[in-house]
Amino acid sequence: MATMILLPDGTGAYHAHWAGVGESTHHECLDDDNAATSYSKCSVDTRTMIIEYANPSVAEADIASIESVRFLSSGKAVHRTDPSRVVISFEAPTAGFAEPADYDAHRTNFETINGTARTTSDGSNAWTYSDLENLEMKCTKIITVEVYLSYLALEVTYTEAAADNSIFFGCNF
């Protein structure tokens, strides 16, 4: 199996309580794991932010099947003793698969939390290439301890399509 990473490339609807730091948009704050250089932060309970993802870097013809999709994140709670929670869920192609990410209390270090590998796009249907082309994630801040999110990518595990060896060095076999 092979993997590819889908990075944020658009910011959808969001509450103003989510603030971007170090970049001009939320998706730019979340496209690389650079810790305190750029991040999106929020301290208000139930506030949401939608992040859109770039089209796959692997061509559809090169993928035999998509095995799973999961989020990869980096964040931190900025309280000395209390953790911070963000519920991360698939917003599109189908809403659902909500999973809490609990970032430990630590004023300087960012923590990596990777989501559960999801083998279906909606609970029963296999992932399709068009699903990957339309992925959106929703971040919902839970509890009032401020959180800094520095990275929110998607890891796609797939089976590569068999190579077409019918033409080799200009010869047709």
N, C-alpha and C. Protein backbone atom coordinates (compact mmCIF):
# COMPACT_ATOMS: atom_id res chain seq x y z
N MET A 1 0.83 -1.18 0.00
CA MET A 1 0.00 0.00 0.00
C MET A 1 0.88 1.24 0.00
N ALA A 2 0.32 2.29 -0.54
CA ALA A 2 1.00 3.57 -0.62
C ALA A 2 0.19 4.61 0.16
N THR A 3 0.82 5.73 0.46
CA THR A 3 0.11 6.81 1.13
C THR A 3 0.39 8.13 0.44
N MET A 4 -0.54 9.04 0.58
CA MET A 4 -0.34 10.43 0.14
C MET A 4 -0.95 11.32 1.20
N ILE A 5 -0.46 12.54 1.28
CA ILE A 5 -0.94 13.52 2.24
C ILE A 5 -1.69 14.61 1.48
N LEU A 6 -2.90 14.91 1.94
CA LEU A 6 -3.67 16.02 1.39
C LEU A 6 -3.56 17.19 2.36
N LEU A 7 -3.15 18.33 1.84
CA LEU A 7 -2.96 19.52 2.67
C LEU A 7 -4.11 20.50 2.49
N PRO A 8 -4.39 21.30 3.51
CA PRO A 8 -5.43 22.32 3.39
C PRO A 8 -5.11 23.29 2.26
N ASP A 9 -6.16 23.67 1.50
CA ASP A 9 -5.94 24.69 0.47
C ASP A 9 -7.09 25.69 0.40
N GLY A 10 -7.98 25.63 1.38
CA GLY A 10 -9.07 26.59 1.41
C GLY A 10 -9.70 26.64 2.79
N THR A 11 -10.23 27.80 3.12
CA THR A 11 -10.93 27.96 4.39
C THR A 11 -12.39 28.18 4.09
N GLY A 12 -13.23 27.31 4.63
CA GLY A 12 -14.67 27.45 4.47
C GLY A 12 -15.23 28.35 5.56
N ALA A 13 -16.48 28.14 5.91
CA ALA A 13 -17.13 28.94 6.95
C ALA A 13 -16.45 28.72 8.30
N TYR A 14 -16.35 29.79 9.08
CA TYR A 14 -15.77 29.68 10.42
C TYR A 14 -16.30 30.80 11.30
N HIS A 15 -16.35 30.51 12.61
CA HIS A 15 -16.70 31.54 13.58
C HIS A 15 -15.50 32.46 13.76
N ALA A 16 -15.77 33.71 14.00
CA ALA A 16 -14.70 34.70 14.17
C ALA A 16 -13.83 34.40 15.38
N HIS A 17 -14.31 33.55 16.29
CA HIS A 17 -13.50 33.21 17.46
C HIS A 17 -12.28 32.37 17.10
N TRP A 18 -12.28 31.75 15.91
CA TRP A 18 -11.08 31.07 15.41
C TRP A 18 -10.22 32.15 14.77
N ALA A 19 -9.01 32.33 15.29
CA ALA A 19 -8.13 33.38 14.77
C ALA A 19 -6.87 32.76 14.18
N GLY A 20 -6.51 33.21 13.01
CA GLY A 20 -5.27 32.78 12.39
C GLY A 20 -4.10 33.61 12.90
N VAL A 21 -2.98 32.96 13.19
CA VAL A 21 -1.79 33.65 13.69
C VAL A 21 -0.60 33.26 12.79
N GLY A 22 0.08 34.26 12.23
CA GLY A 22 1.28 34.01 11.44
C GLY A 22 1.04 33.84 9.95
N GLU A 23 -0.20 33.71 9.52
CA GLU A 23 -0.57 33.58 8.11
C GLU A 23 -1.86 34.37 7.90
N SER A 24 -2.21 34.60 6.64
CA SER A 24 -3.40 35.41 6.38
C SER A 24 -4.70 34.60 6.38
N THR A 25 -4.62 33.26 6.24
CA THR A 25 -5.83 32.44 6.25
C THR A 25 -5.64 31.24 7.19
N HIS A 26 -6.76 30.66 7.61
CA HIS A 26 -6.70 29.49 8.49
C HIS A 26 -6.03 28.31 7.81
N HIS A 27 -6.37 28.07 6.55
CA HIS A 27 -5.78 26.90 5.89
C HIS A 27 -4.27 27.03 5.73
N GLU A 28 -3.78 28.24 5.56
CA GLU A 28 -2.32 28.44 5.50
C GLU A 28 -1.68 28.18 6.87
N CYS A 29 -2.40 28.49 7.94
CA CYS A 29 -1.89 28.22 9.29
C CYS A 29 -1.77 26.73 9.56
N LEU A 30 -2.56 25.91 8.86
CA LEU A 30 -2.64 24.49 9.15
C LEU A 30 -1.96 23.60 8.12
N ASP A 31 -1.25 24.17 7.14
CA ASP A 31 -0.71 23.34 6.05
C ASP A 31 0.70 22.82 6.28
N ASP A 32 1.34 23.21 7.36
CA ASP A 32 2.63 22.60 7.72
C ASP A 32 2.77 22.60 9.24
N ASP A 33 3.52 21.64 9.72
CA ASP A 33 3.65 21.46 11.16
C ASP A 33 4.82 22.29 11.67
N ASN A 34 4.59 23.60 11.74
CA ASN A 34 5.67 24.50 12.15
C ASN A 34 5.46 25.09 13.53
N ALA A 35 4.68 24.40 14.33
CA ALA A 35 4.46 24.75 15.74
C ALA A 35 4.05 26.21 15.90
N ALA A 36 4.79 26.97 16.69
CA ALA A 36 4.37 28.32 17.07
C ALA A 36 4.57 29.37 15.98
N THR A 37 5.06 29.00 14.81
CA THR A 37 5.24 29.97 13.73
C THR A 37 3.90 30.42 13.16
N SER A 38 3.00 29.46 12.92
CA SER A 38 1.65 29.81 12.47
C SER A 38 0.68 28.75 12.98
N TYR A 39 -0.50 29.21 13.38
CA TYR A 39 -1.52 28.32 13.93
C TYR A 39 -2.86 29.03 13.94
N SER A 40 -3.91 28.25 14.09
CA SER A 40 -5.25 28.78 14.30
C SER A 40 -5.59 28.53 15.77
N LYS A 41 -6.14 29.53 16.42
CA LYS A 41 -6.43 29.38 17.84
C LYS A 41 -7.88 29.73 18.13
N CYS A 42 -8.39 29.12 19.20
CA CYS A 42 -9.76 29.39 19.63
C CYS A 42 -9.88 29.06 21.11
N SER A 43 -10.68 29.85 21.83
CA SER A 43 -10.90 29.58 23.25
C SER A 43 -12.39 29.52 23.60
N VAL A 44 -13.25 29.65 22.62
CA VAL A 44 -14.69 29.71 22.90
C VAL A 44 -15.35 28.38 22.54
N ASP A 45 -16.07 27.83 23.50
CA ASP A 45 -16.75 26.55 23.35
C ASP A 45 -17.74 26.56 22.19
N THR A 46 -17.81 25.48 21.46
CA THR A 46 -18.73 25.18 20.35
C THR A 46 -18.47 25.97 19.07
N ARG A 47 -17.40 26.69 18.98
CA ARG A 47 -17.11 27.45 17.75
C ARG A 47 -16.48 26.52 16.72
N THR A 48 -16.85 26.71 15.46
CA THR A 48 -16.42 25.80 14.39
C THR A 48 -15.60 26.50 13.31
N MET A 49 -14.87 25.67 12.57
CA MET A 49 -14.06 26.13 11.44
C MET A 49 -14.05 24.99 10.42
N ILE A 50 -14.31 25.31 9.16
CA ILE A 50 -14.28 24.32 8.08
C ILE A 50 -12.99 24.53 7.27
N ILE A 51 -12.28 23.43 7.02
CA ILE A 51 -11.05 23.46 6.23
C ILE A 51 -11.25 22.60 4.99
N GLU A 52 -10.89 23.15 3.83
CA GLU A 52 -10.99 22.44 2.55
C GLU A 52 -9.61 21.92 2.16
N TYR A 53 -9.59 20.84 1.39
CA TYR A 53 -8.31 20.18 1.06
C TYR A 53 -8.01 20.18 -0.43
N ALA A 54 -6.71 20.19 -0.74
CA ALA A 54 -6.24 20.18 -2.12
C ALA A 54 -6.58 18.86 -2.79
N ASN A 55 -6.72 18.90 -4.10
CA ASN A 55 -6.96 17.67 -4.86
C ASN A 55 -5.78 16.73 -4.68
N PRO A 56 -6.01 15.44 -4.82
CA PRO A 56 -4.94 14.45 -4.63
C PRO A 56 -3.75 14.70 -5.56
N SER A 57 -2.57 14.40 -5.05
CA SER A 57 -1.35 14.55 -5.83
C SER A 57 -1.07 13.33 -6.70
N VAL A 58 -1.86 12.28 -6.52
CA VAL A 58 -1.73 11.05 -7.30
C VAL A 58 -2.92 11.00 -8.27
N ALA A 59 -2.65 10.69 -9.53
CA ALA A 59 -3.70 10.64 -10.54
C ALA A 59 -4.68 9.50 -10.25
N GLU A 60 -5.92 9.70 -10.63
CA GLU A 60 -6.95 8.70 -10.40
C GLU A 60 -6.59 7.36 -11.04
N ALA A 61 -5.99 7.39 -12.22
CA ALA A 61 -5.62 6.16 -12.93
C ALA A 61 -4.54 5.37 -12.19
N ASP A 62 -3.81 6.02 -11.30
CA ASP A 62 -2.74 5.36 -10.56
C ASP A 62 -3.21 4.72 -9.25
N ILE A 63 -4.50 4.83 -8.96
CA ILE A 63 -5.06 4.30 -7.72
C ILE A 63 -6.05 3.19 -8.05
N ALA A 64 -5.78 1.98 -7.55
CA ALA A 64 -6.71 0.86 -7.73
C ALA A 64 -7.86 0.95 -6.74
N SER A 65 -7.54 1.26 -5.48
CA SER A 65 -8.57 1.41 -4.46
C SER A 65 -8.04 2.28 -3.32
N ILE A 66 -8.95 2.94 -2.66
CA ILE A 66 -8.61 3.78 -1.51
C ILE A 66 -8.97 2.98 -0.27
N GLU A 67 -7.97 2.73 0.56
CA GLU A 67 -8.16 1.88 1.73
C GLU A 67 -8.67 2.65 2.94
N SER A 68 -8.12 3.86 3.18
CA SER A 68 -8.54 4.62 4.36
C SER A 68 -8.11 6.07 4.25
N VAL A 69 -8.76 6.89 5.08
CA VAL A 69 -8.42 8.31 5.21
C VAL A 69 -8.45 8.62 6.70
N ARG A 70 -7.44 9.36 7.19
CA ARG A 70 -7.44 9.79 8.58
C ARG A 70 -6.80 11.17 8.68
N PHE A 71 -7.14 11.90 9.74
CA PHE A 71 -6.52 13.20 9.92
C PHE A 71 -5.22 13.07 10.70
N LEU A 72 -4.31 14.00 10.43
CA LEU A 72 -3.05 14.15 11.15
C LEU A 72 -3.05 15.56 11.71
N SER A 73 -2.83 15.70 13.01
CA SER A 73 -2.91 17.03 13.59
C SER A 73 -1.77 17.30 14.56
N SER A 74 -1.57 18.58 14.79
CA SER A 74 -0.63 19.03 15.80
C SER A 74 -1.27 20.23 16.50
N GLY A 75 -1.27 20.19 17.83
CA GLY A 75 -1.88 21.28 18.57
C GLY A 75 -1.43 21.27 20.02
N LYS A 76 -1.90 22.25 20.74
CA LYS A 76 -1.59 22.31 22.18
C LYS A 76 -2.64 23.12 22.91
N ALA A 77 -2.83 22.76 24.17
CA ALA A 77 -3.62 23.57 25.09
C ALA A 77 -2.65 24.57 25.70
N VAL A 78 -3.10 25.78 25.90
CA VAL A 78 -2.18 26.79 26.43
C VAL A 78 -2.40 27.06 27.91
N HIS A 79 -3.11 26.18 28.56
CA HIS A 79 -3.31 26.28 30.01
C HIS A 79 -2.23 25.46 30.71
N ARG A 80 -1.86 25.84 31.91
CA ARG A 80 -0.81 25.11 32.63
C ARG A 80 -1.23 23.72 33.06
N THR A 81 -2.52 23.53 33.39
CA THR A 81 -2.93 22.23 33.94
C THR A 81 -4.09 21.56 33.20
N ASP A 82 -4.87 22.29 32.45
CA ASP A 82 -6.05 21.71 31.82
C ASP A 82 -5.83 21.46 30.33
N PRO A 83 -6.32 20.33 29.83
CA PRO A 83 -6.20 20.04 28.40
C PRO A 83 -7.21 20.85 27.59
N SER A 84 -7.06 20.79 26.29
CA SER A 84 -8.00 21.42 25.37
C SER A 84 -8.52 20.37 24.41
N ARG A 85 -9.76 20.50 23.98
CA ARG A 85 -10.36 19.50 23.10
C ARG A 85 -10.92 20.17 21.85
N VAL A 86 -10.65 19.52 20.72
CA VAL A 86 -11.25 19.90 19.45
C VAL A 86 -11.85 18.63 18.87
N VAL A 87 -13.12 18.69 18.50
CA VAL A 87 -13.73 17.55 17.82
C VAL A 87 -13.51 17.78 16.33
N ILE A 88 -12.83 16.83 15.71
CA ILE A 88 -12.50 16.92 14.29
C ILE A 88 -13.39 15.92 13.56
N SER A 89 -14.10 16.40 12.55
CA SER A 89 -15.02 15.53 11.83
C SER A 89 -14.96 15.79 10.33
N PHE A 90 -15.34 14.77 9.57
CA PHE A 90 -15.47 14.92 8.13
C PHE A 90 -16.74 15.72 7.85
N GLU A 91 -16.64 16.80 7.14
CA GLU A 91 -17.79 17.63 6.78
C GLU A 91 -18.28 17.27 5.38
N ALA A 92 -17.37 16.98 4.47
CA ALA A 92 -17.72 16.58 3.10
C ALA A 92 -16.68 15.56 2.65
N PRO A 93 -17.05 14.53 1.91
CA PRO A 93 -18.28 14.43 1.14
C PRO A 93 -19.52 14.13 1.98
N THR A 94 -19.37 13.51 3.13
CA THR A 94 -20.50 13.19 4.01
C THR A 94 -20.12 13.58 5.43
N ALA A 95 -20.98 14.32 6.08
CA ALA A 95 -20.70 14.72 7.45
C ALA A 95 -20.68 13.49 8.36
N GLY A 96 -19.86 13.53 9.36
CA GLY A 96 -19.81 12.43 10.32
C GLY A 96 -18.40 12.08 10.71
N PHE A 97 -18.23 10.92 11.28
CA PHE A 97 -16.93 10.44 11.75
C PHE A 97 -16.27 11.45 12.67
N ALA A 98 -16.99 11.96 13.62
CA ALA A 98 -16.44 12.92 14.58
C ALA A 98 -15.53 12.20 15.56
N GLU A 99 -14.39 12.82 15.83
CA GLU A 99 -13.42 12.23 16.75
C GLU A 99 -12.78 13.34 17.58
N PRO A 100 -12.78 13.20 18.90
CA PRO A 100 -12.15 14.23 19.72
C PRO A 100 -10.63 14.13 19.68
N ALA A 101 -10.01 15.28 19.66
CA ALA A 101 -8.55 15.37 19.79
C ALA A 101 -8.28 16.15 21.06
N ASP A 102 -7.74 15.48 22.07
CA ASP A 102 -7.46 16.10 23.36
C ASP A 102 -5.98 16.46 23.44
N TYR A 103 -5.70 17.75 23.42
CA TYR A 103 -4.33 18.22 23.49
C TYR A 103 -3.97 18.49 24.94
N ASP A 104 -2.91 17.87 25.40
CA ASP A 104 -2.49 18.01 26.79
C ASP A 104 -2.09 19.44 27.11
N ALA A 105 -2.24 19.77 28.38
CA ALA A 105 -1.83 21.10 28.84
C ALA A 105 -0.31 21.21 28.75
N HIS A 106 0.14 22.14 27.97
CA HIS A 106 1.59 22.37 27.85
C HIS A 106 1.78 23.71 27.17
N ARG A 107 2.44 24.59 27.81
CA ARG A 107 2.54 25.95 27.28
C ARG A 107 3.53 26.10 26.14
N THR A 108 4.41 25.13 25.91
CA THR A 108 5.39 25.32 24.84
C THR A 108 5.38 24.23 23.77
N ASN A 109 5.08 22.99 24.10
CA ASN A 109 5.19 21.91 23.12
C ASN A 109 3.85 21.60 22.45
N PHE A 110 3.93 21.37 21.15
CA PHE A 110 2.77 20.92 20.39
C PHE A 110 2.73 19.40 20.41
N GLU A 111 1.52 18.86 20.45
CA GLU A 111 1.32 17.42 20.53
C GLU A 111 0.71 16.93 19.22
N THR A 112 1.19 15.79 18.74
CA THR A 112 0.64 15.18 17.53
C THR A 112 -0.48 14.22 17.92
N ILE A 113 -1.63 14.39 17.30
CA ILE A 113 -2.74 13.47 17.47
C ILE A 113 -3.23 13.09 16.08
N ASN A 114 -3.22 11.80 15.80
CA ASN A 114 -3.66 11.30 14.51
C ASN A 114 -4.98 10.56 14.68
N GLY A 115 -5.90 10.83 13.78
CA GLY A 115 -7.23 10.25 13.86
C GLY A 115 -7.26 8.78 13.48
N THR A 116 -8.41 8.19 13.67
CA THR A 116 -8.65 6.81 13.31
C THR A 116 -8.78 6.69 11.80
N ALA A 117 -8.18 5.66 11.23
CA ALA A 117 -8.28 5.43 9.79
C ALA A 117 -9.73 5.05 9.45
N ARG A 118 -10.34 5.80 8.58
CA ARG A 118 -11.73 5.56 8.17
C ARG A 118 -11.73 4.82 6.84
N THR A 119 -12.34 3.65 6.82
CA THR A 119 -12.30 2.80 5.62
C THR A 119 -13.46 3.06 4.67
N THR A 120 -14.44 3.84 5.09
CA THR A 120 -15.55 4.20 4.21
C THR A 120 -15.78 5.71 4.27
N SER A 121 -16.39 6.23 3.23
CA SER A 121 -16.63 7.68 3.19
C SER A 121 -17.86 8.09 3.99
N ASP A 122 -18.79 7.16 4.19
CA ASP A 122 -20.04 7.51 4.86
C ASP A 122 -20.53 6.45 5.84
N GLY A 123 -19.67 5.50 6.17
CA GLY A 123 -20.06 4.43 7.08
C GLY A 123 -20.39 3.13 6.38
N SER A 124 -20.60 3.19 5.06
CA SER A 124 -20.91 1.94 4.34
C SER A 124 -20.31 1.88 2.93
N ASN A 125 -20.04 3.00 2.30
CA ASN A 125 -19.51 3.01 0.93
C ASN A 125 -18.01 3.27 0.91
N ALA A 126 -17.32 2.53 0.06
CA ALA A 126 -15.87 2.70 -0.08
C ALA A 126 -15.56 4.11 -0.57
N TRP A 127 -14.39 4.60 -0.20
CA TRP A 127 -13.91 5.90 -0.67
C TRP A 127 -13.76 5.87 -2.18
N THR A 128 -14.07 6.99 -2.82
CA THR A 128 -13.84 7.14 -4.25
C THR A 128 -12.90 8.30 -4.48
N TYR A 129 -12.36 8.38 -5.68
CA TYR A 129 -11.47 9.48 -6.01
C TYR A 129 -12.20 10.82 -5.91
N SER A 130 -13.45 10.85 -6.34
CA SER A 130 -14.20 12.11 -6.24
C SER A 130 -14.43 12.52 -4.79
N ASP A 131 -14.51 11.55 -3.87
CA ASP A 131 -14.57 11.90 -2.44
C ASP A 131 -13.33 12.67 -2.03
N LEU A 132 -12.17 12.21 -2.50
CA LEU A 132 -10.91 12.88 -2.15
C LEU A 132 -10.85 14.29 -2.73
N GLU A 133 -11.46 14.48 -3.88
CA GLU A 133 -11.43 15.80 -4.52
C GLU A 133 -12.31 16.82 -3.82
N ASN A 134 -13.17 16.37 -2.94
CA ASN A 134 -14.13 17.27 -2.28
C ASN A 134 -14.06 17.24 -0.77
N LEU A 135 -12.92 16.84 -0.20
CA LEU A 135 -12.83 16.68 1.25
C LEU A 135 -12.84 18.02 1.99
N GLU A 136 -13.61 18.03 3.06
CA GLU A 136 -13.63 19.16 4.00
C GLU A 136 -13.66 18.58 5.41
N MET A 137 -12.95 19.23 6.31
CA MET A 137 -12.94 18.84 7.71
C MET A 137 -13.52 19.98 8.54
N LYS A 138 -14.20 19.60 9.62
CA LYS A 138 -14.79 20.58 10.53
C LYS A 138 -14.12 20.44 11.89
N CYS A 139 -13.66 21.55 12.43
CA CYS A 139 -13.06 21.59 13.77
C CYS A 139 -14.05 22.31 14.68
N THR A 140 -14.44 21.64 15.77
CA THR A 140 -15.35 22.24 16.75
C THR A 140 -14.63 22.30 18.08
N LYS A 141 -14.45 23.50 18.60
CA LYS A 141 -13.77 23.71 19.88
C LYS A 141 -14.72 23.31 21.00
N ILE A 142 -14.23 22.45 21.90
CA ILE A 142 -15.01 21.99 23.04
C ILE A 142 -14.22 22.34 24.31
N ILE A 143 -14.90 22.72 25.34
CA ILE A 143 -14.29 23.17 26.60
C ILE A 143 -13.66 24.55 26.33
N THR A 144 -13.52 25.36 27.33
CA THR A 144 -13.08 26.74 27.10
C THR A 144 -11.58 26.96 27.24
N VAL A 145 -10.79 25.90 27.35
CA VAL A 145 -9.34 26.08 27.39
C VAL A 145 -8.86 26.36 25.96
N GLU A 146 -8.14 27.44 25.79
CA GLU A 146 -7.68 27.83 24.46
C GLU A 146 -6.80 26.75 23.82
N VAL A 147 -6.99 26.56 22.53
CA VAL A 147 -6.21 25.59 21.78
C VAL A 147 -5.50 26.30 20.63
N TYR A 148 -4.30 25.84 20.33
CA TYR A 148 -3.56 26.28 19.15
C TYR A 148 -3.45 25.06 18.24
N LEU A 149 -3.97 25.13 17.01
CA LEU A 149 -3.79 24.08 16.02
C LEU A 149 -2.77 24.55 15.00
N SER A 150 -1.73 23.74 14.81
CA SER A 150 -0.66 24.11 13.90
C SER A 150 -0.67 23.30 12.61
N TYR A 151 -1.38 22.18 12.60
CA TYR A 151 -1.35 21.28 11.44
C TYR A 151 -2.63 20.47 11.42
N LEU A 152 -3.23 20.34 10.24
CA LEU A 152 -4.39 19.47 10.07
C LEU A 152 -4.41 18.97 8.63
N ALA A 153 -3.74 17.87 8.41
CA ALA A 153 -3.65 17.26 7.08
C ALA A 153 -4.46 15.97 7.07
N LEU A 154 -4.59 15.38 5.89
CA LEU A 154 -5.26 14.10 5.75
C LEU A 154 -4.31 13.10 5.12
N GLU A 155 -4.24 11.92 5.71
CA GLU A 155 -3.41 10.84 5.17
C GLU A 155 -4.33 9.85 4.47
N VAL A 156 -4.05 9.61 3.19
CA VAL A 156 -4.83 8.68 2.39
C VAL A 156 -3.96 7.46 2.11
N THR A 157 -4.46 6.29 2.49
CA THR A 157 -3.78 5.03 2.19
C THR A 157 -4.52 4.39 1.02
N TYR A 158 -3.76 3.98 0.02
CA TYR A 158 -4.39 3.43 -1.18
C TYR A 158 -3.54 2.30 -1.77
N THR A 159 -4.19 1.52 -2.62
CA THR A 159 -3.51 0.47 -3.36
C THR A 159 -3.23 1.01 -4.75
N GLU A 160 -1.98 0.90 -5.16
CA GLU A 160 -1.60 1.41 -6.48
C GLU A 160 -2.18 0.53 -7.58
N ALA A 161 -2.53 1.17 -8.68
CA ALA A 161 -3.02 0.44 -9.84
C ALA A 161 -1.85 -0.31 -10.47
N ALA A 162 -2.14 -1.46 -11.05
CA ALA A 162 -1.10 -2.25 -11.72
C ALA A 162 -0.56 -1.45 -12.90
N ALA A 163 0.75 -1.52 -13.08
CA ALA A 163 1.39 -0.82 -14.19
C ALA A 163 1.00 -1.48 -15.50
N ASP A 164 0.82 -0.65 -16.52
CA ASP A 164 0.52 -1.16 -17.86
C ASP A 164 1.84 -1.39 -18.58
N ASN A 165 2.23 -2.65 -18.69
CA ASN A 165 3.51 -3.01 -19.31
C ASN A 165 3.34 -3.48 -20.76
N SER A 166 2.20 -3.16 -21.37
CA SER A 166 1.97 -3.64 -22.72
C SER A 166 2.87 -2.94 -23.74
N ILE A 167 3.31 -1.74 -23.43
CA ILE A 167 4.22 -1.05 -24.33
C ILE A 167 5.54 -0.85 -23.58
N PHE A 168 6.59 -1.41 -24.12
CA PHE A 168 7.88 -1.37 -23.45
C PHE A 168 8.92 -1.02 -24.50
N PHE A 169 9.58 0.09 -24.33
CA PHE A 169 10.58 0.57 -25.27
C PHE A 169 10.05 0.61 -26.70
N GLY A 170 8.84 1.08 -26.86
CA GLY A 170 8.29 1.24 -28.18
C GLY A 170 7.79 -0.04 -28.82
N CYS A 171 7.88 -1.16 -28.13
CA CYS A 171 7.39 -2.43 -28.68
C CYS A 171 6.05 -2.77 -28.07
N ASN A 172 5.17 -3.30 -28.86
CA ASN A 172 3.85 -3.68 -28.39
C ASN A 172 3.85 -5.20 -28.22
N PHE A 173 3.67 -5.69 -27.00
CA PHE A 173 3.70 -7.13 -26.74
C PHE A 173 2.33 -7.72 -26.79
